[in-house]
Amino acid sequence: MATVAVIGWKGGVGKSAVAVALALRALEDGLRVAVVDCDPQRSSARWLEAAAPELPVVQVEQDPTDPAGAVLRAVTAAEELADLVICDPPPSAAEVLRALALAADVALVPTGASVEEVALAGRSLEVLESVARFRGGAARPLVVLTRIDTRTGLGREAQETAATLGAPVASTALRYRVAWLEAVAAGCTLRALGSQGTEAAKEVDALWSEVVELLEVTR
C-alpha cells in the first residue's frame, strides 16, 4: 500500500495531468490503483471515467467545517480499494494540502517555468516541512517540471531555479505537448493516441520509474 499526493498551490501547472497520467501508467503495470479527486470541478474524475472506467475515483465530499478531515476520509476509503492511491488536489487550499502531505508517502510538486510558479512550488515544500515537524517524518518530495522545454533558455533557467528549492527535482520534465490536450478531449491514455502521444507517453514512463524508486525507498 502506498499513497502519492500531487501538491501544489497554483492551477495551470498540470497537477491533474500528472495525477491521471501516473494512475493510468500504474494501471498498465497491473497495480490496483485508485485516485482521490479533491477538486470540485472533477477534471481528473471525468478523464478517468472515460479512459479507464475500471479505475475507482473517490471524490472528496466538500465539508467547509473540516476540509482536512474530508480529504483524509477519502484517502482512507481509497486505500481500501487499491494498492496505490494517487491524490489530485484543488488549487490554493492550505488545509487540503496539509492533509495530503500528512497522508502521502511521496509528494509530487509540479511547477512550470515562471518565477511565480517556482516560488509557489517552494511554498508547497514549506507545507511538507511543516507537516514533517508535526508528525516526525514527511512524504518524500519530488519537484516535477511541467509544460516546459528544458532545451530552451527559459527551461534550463527553470531547472536551475527549481534546484535551489532544497528538494529533489525529477530528471524527467513533462514538456508542453498537444497530445495532453487531445488525450483529455478524447478521454483516453496518451498511448492510445498512437504516434502523436508517443513522446509524451515516454516522459510519463520515465517519471513513473522515478516515482517507483521513491516508493521503494519509503518501504
Protein backbone atom coordinates (compact mmCIF):
# COMPACT_ATOMS: atom_id res chain seq x y z
CA MET A 1 0.00 0.00 0.00
CA ALA A 2 1.34 3.41 -0.95
CA THR A 3 -0.08 6.90 -1.36
CA VAL A 4 1.24 9.51 -3.79
CA ALA A 5 -0.07 13.06 -3.49
CA VAL A 6 0.32 15.80 -6.05
CA ILE A 7 0.86 19.01 -4.06
CA GLY A 8 0.53 22.50 -5.46
CA TRP A 9 -0.86 25.96 -4.80
CA LYS A 10 -1.26 27.13 -8.37
CA GLY A 11 -3.66 25.96 -11.05
CA GLY A 12 -2.42 25.53 -14.57
CA VAL A 13 0.80 23.66 -13.80
CA GLY A 14 -0.55 20.24 -14.73
CA LYS A 15 -1.41 18.77 -11.33
CA SER A 16 -4.38 16.80 -12.64
CA ALA A 17 -2.48 15.72 -15.74
CA VAL A 18 0.36 14.35 -13.60
CA ALA A 19 -2.05 12.53 -11.25
CA VAL A 20 -4.11 10.96 -14.04
CA ALA A 21 -1.16 10.04 -16.26
CA LEU A 22 0.64 8.28 -13.41
CA ALA A 23 -2.53 6.48 -12.33
CA LEU A 24 -3.07 5.20 -15.87
CA ARG A 25 0.60 4.22 -16.13
CA ALA A 26 0.44 2.29 -12.84
CA LEU A 27 -2.67 0.52 -14.13
CA GLU A 28 -0.64 -0.66 -17.13
CA ASP A 29 1.74 -2.34 -14.66
CA GLY A 30 -1.15 -4.33 -13.24
CA LEU A 31 -1.44 -2.42 -9.98
CA ARG A 32 -4.76 -1.85 -8.27
CA VAL A 33 -4.98 1.94 -8.43
CA ALA A 34 -7.45 4.44 -7.01
CA VAL A 35 -7.50 8.20 -7.40
CA VAL A 36 -8.69 10.70 -4.81
CA ASP A 37 -10.06 13.75 -6.62
CA CYS A 38 -10.10 16.73 -4.27
CA ASP A 39 -11.18 19.21 -6.90
CA PRO A 40 -14.91 20.04 -7.03
CA GLN A 41 -14.55 20.51 -10.81
CA ARG A 42 -13.87 16.74 -11.12
CA SER A 43 -11.41 17.14 -14.01
CA SER A 44 -9.48 14.02 -13.02
CA ALA A 45 -12.65 12.03 -12.46
CA ARG A 46 -14.08 12.88 -15.87
CA TRP A 47 -10.88 11.95 -17.69
CA LEU A 48 -10.57 8.65 -15.83
CA GLU A 49 -14.24 7.73 -16.24
CA ALA A 50 -13.66 7.79 -20.00
CA ALA A 51 -10.09 6.44 -20.17
CA ALA A 52 -10.26 3.70 -17.52
CA PRO A 53 -13.74 3.17 -16.07
CA GLU A 54 -12.43 0.22 -14.06
CA LEU A 55 -10.17 2.54 -12.05
CA PRO A 56 -12.03 3.77 -8.94
CA VAL A 57 -12.15 7.50 -8.26
CA VAL A 58 -13.05 8.68 -4.77
CA GLN A 59 -14.46 12.21 -4.80
CA VAL A 60 -13.82 14.27 -1.68
CA GLU A 61 -17.10 15.38 -0.11
CA GLN A 62 -16.88 19.13 0.44
CA ASP A 63 -17.00 19.96 4.16
CA PRO A 64 -16.29 23.64 4.88
CA THR A 65 -16.13 22.91 8.61
CA ASP A 66 -13.48 20.18 8.27
CA PRO A 67 -11.83 20.15 4.81
CA ALA A 68 -8.77 18.27 6.04
CA GLY A 69 -10.89 15.58 7.65
CA ALA A 70 -12.89 15.17 4.44
CA VAL A 71 -9.68 14.58 2.50
CA LEU A 72 -8.31 12.07 4.99
CA ARG A 73 -11.61 10.16 4.97
CA ALA A 74 -11.47 9.98 1.17
CA VAL A 75 -7.88 8.73 1.24
CA THR A 76 -8.83 6.04 3.76
CA ALA A 77 -11.73 4.95 1.55
CA ALA A 78 -9.43 4.79 -1.49
CA GLU A 79 -6.84 2.74 0.40
CA GLU A 80 -9.46 0.04 0.94
CA LEU A 81 -9.84 -0.27 -2.85
CA ALA A 82 -6.27 -0.23 -4.11
CA ASP A 83 -2.57 -0.95 -3.72
CA LEU A 84 -1.67 2.55 -4.89
CA VAL A 85 -3.60 5.73 -4.17
CA ILE A 86 -2.89 8.91 -6.14
CA CYS A 87 -4.34 12.19 -4.90
CA ASP A 88 -5.13 15.20 -7.06
CA PRO A 89 -5.56 18.46 -5.10
CA PRO A 90 -7.59 21.60 -5.71
CA PRO A 91 -5.65 24.86 -6.17
CA SER A 92 -4.83 27.13 -3.24
CA ALA A 93 -6.28 25.15 -0.36
CA ALA A 94 -3.81 25.13 2.52
CA GLU A 95 -5.70 22.75 4.82
CA VAL A 96 -6.24 20.26 2.00
CA LEU A 97 -2.56 20.36 1.03
CA ARG A 98 -1.53 19.76 4.64
CA ALA A 99 -3.91 16.79 4.85
CA LEU A 100 -2.48 15.31 1.65
CA ALA A 101 1.06 15.85 2.91
CA LEU A 102 0.08 14.03 6.09
CA ALA A 103 -1.39 11.06 4.21
CA ALA A 104 1.23 10.64 1.49
CA ASP A 105 4.37 8.55 1.21
CA VAL A 106 5.57 10.54 -1.80
CA ALA A 107 4.60 14.14 -2.66
CA LEU A 108 4.98 15.36 -6.23
CA VAL A 109 5.28 19.13 -6.62
CA PRO A 110 4.67 20.25 -10.22
CA THR A 111 5.96 23.62 -11.39
CA GLY A 112 6.12 25.47 -14.67
CA ALA A 113 8.88 27.80 -15.82
CA SER A 114 7.71 31.14 -14.44
CA VAL A 115 9.22 32.74 -11.34
CA GLU A 116 5.78 32.76 -9.69
CA GLU A 117 5.24 29.04 -10.32
CA VAL A 118 8.63 28.08 -8.91
CA ALA A 119 8.03 30.32 -5.87
CA LEU A 120 4.68 28.62 -5.23
CA ALA A 121 6.39 25.23 -5.53
CA GLY A 122 8.61 26.47 -2.71
CA ARG A 123 5.51 27.21 -0.64
CA SER A 124 4.29 23.66 -1.26
CA LEU A 125 7.60 22.33 0.01
CA GLU A 126 7.19 24.51 3.11
CA VAL A 127 3.85 22.76 3.74
CA LEU A 128 5.63 19.41 3.58
CA GLU A 129 8.28 20.62 6.00
CA SER A 130 5.68 21.88 8.48
CA VAL A 131 3.86 18.55 8.36
CA ALA A 132 7.17 16.74 8.84
CA ARG A 133 7.80 18.70 12.03
CA PHE A 134 4.28 17.85 13.22
CA ARG A 135 4.43 14.09 12.61
CA GLY A 136 8.18 13.46 12.93
CA GLY A 137 8.55 12.39 9.31
CA ALA A 138 7.41 13.51 5.91
CA ALA A 139 6.33 12.41 2.50
CA ARG A 140 9.34 12.25 0.20
CA PRO A 141 9.13 15.26 -2.11
CA LEU A 142 9.88 15.33 -5.82
CA VAL A 143 9.65 18.55 -7.83
CA VAL A 144 8.35 17.88 -11.35
CA LEU A 145 8.91 20.41 -14.13
CA THR A 146 5.84 20.57 -16.36
CA ARG A 147 4.83 22.29 -19.57
CA ILE A 148 8.36 23.48 -20.35
CA ASP A 149 11.10 22.62 -22.80
CA THR A 150 14.38 22.03 -20.97
CA ARG A 151 16.26 22.57 -24.22
CA THR A 152 15.37 26.27 -24.20
CA GLY A 153 16.97 29.00 -22.14
CA LEU A 154 13.79 29.51 -20.13
CA GLY A 155 13.51 25.79 -19.49
CA ARG A 156 17.10 25.48 -18.33
CA GLU A 157 16.67 28.52 -16.09
CA ALA A 158 13.59 26.87 -14.54
CA GLN A 159 15.63 23.74 -13.84
CA GLU A 160 18.36 25.77 -12.16
CA THR A 161 15.86 27.72 -10.06
CA ALA A 162 13.98 24.58 -9.04
CA ALA A 163 17.26 23.04 -7.91
CA THR A 164 17.59 25.82 -5.30
CA LEU A 165 14.33 24.85 -3.57
CA GLY A 166 16.04 22.27 -1.40
CA ALA A 167 14.18 19.21 -2.69
CA PRO A 168 15.00 16.63 -5.37
CA VAL A 169 13.99 17.60 -8.89
CA ALA A 170 12.81 14.82 -11.20
CA SER A 171 15.18 14.06 -14.03
CA THR A 172 12.13 13.84 -16.28
CA ALA A 173 10.37 17.02 -17.38
CA LEU A 174 6.89 16.79 -18.87
CA ARG A 175 7.10 19.09 -21.88
CA TYR A 176 4.14 21.02 -23.22
CA ARG A 177 2.63 18.87 -25.97
CA VAL A 178 -0.67 18.98 -27.83
CA ALA A 179 -1.05 15.26 -27.03
CA TRP A 180 -2.03 16.14 -23.45
CA LEU A 181 -4.95 18.27 -24.64
CA GLU A 182 -6.05 15.64 -27.11
CA ALA A 183 -5.94 12.85 -24.52
CA VAL A 184 -8.18 14.87 -22.21
CA ALA A 185 -10.58 15.78 -25.03
CA ALA A 186 -10.77 12.18 -26.26
CA GLY A 187 -10.90 10.69 -22.76
CA CYS A 188 -8.05 8.29 -23.45
CA THR A 189 -4.49 7.48 -22.47
CA LEU A 190 -1.53 9.15 -24.17
CA ARG A 191 -0.53 5.79 -25.61
CA ALA A 192 -3.97 5.38 -27.18
CA LEU A 193 -3.23 8.39 -29.37
CA GLY A 194 -0.65 6.33 -31.27
CA SER A 195 2.37 8.12 -32.68
CA GLN A 196 1.01 11.51 -31.65
CA GLY A 197 1.20 10.55 -27.98
CA THR A 198 4.42 8.54 -28.11
CA GLU A 199 6.84 11.17 -26.80
CA ALA A 200 4.53 12.32 -24.02
CA ALA A 201 3.96 8.68 -23.00
CA LYS A 202 7.72 8.11 -22.86
CA GLU A 203 8.08 11.05 -20.49
CA VAL A 204 5.34 9.64 -18.25
CA ASP A 205 7.09 6.23 -18.31
CA ALA A 206 10.32 7.85 -17.15
CA LEU A 207 8.61 9.87 -14.41
CA TRP A 208 6.75 6.77 -13.23
CA SER A 209 10.09 4.96 -12.89
CA GLU A 210 11.36 7.77 -10.66
CA VAL A 211 8.22 7.63 -8.52
CA VAL A 212 8.54 3.84 -8.15
CA GLU A 213 12.12 4.28 -6.94
CA LEU A 214 10.97 6.76 -4.29
CA LEU A 215 8.17 4.46 -3.17
CA GLU A 216 10.61 1.58 -2.76
CA VAL A 217 12.77 3.75 -0.51
CA THR A 218 9.80 4.54 1.74
CA ARG A 219 9.07 0.88 2.42
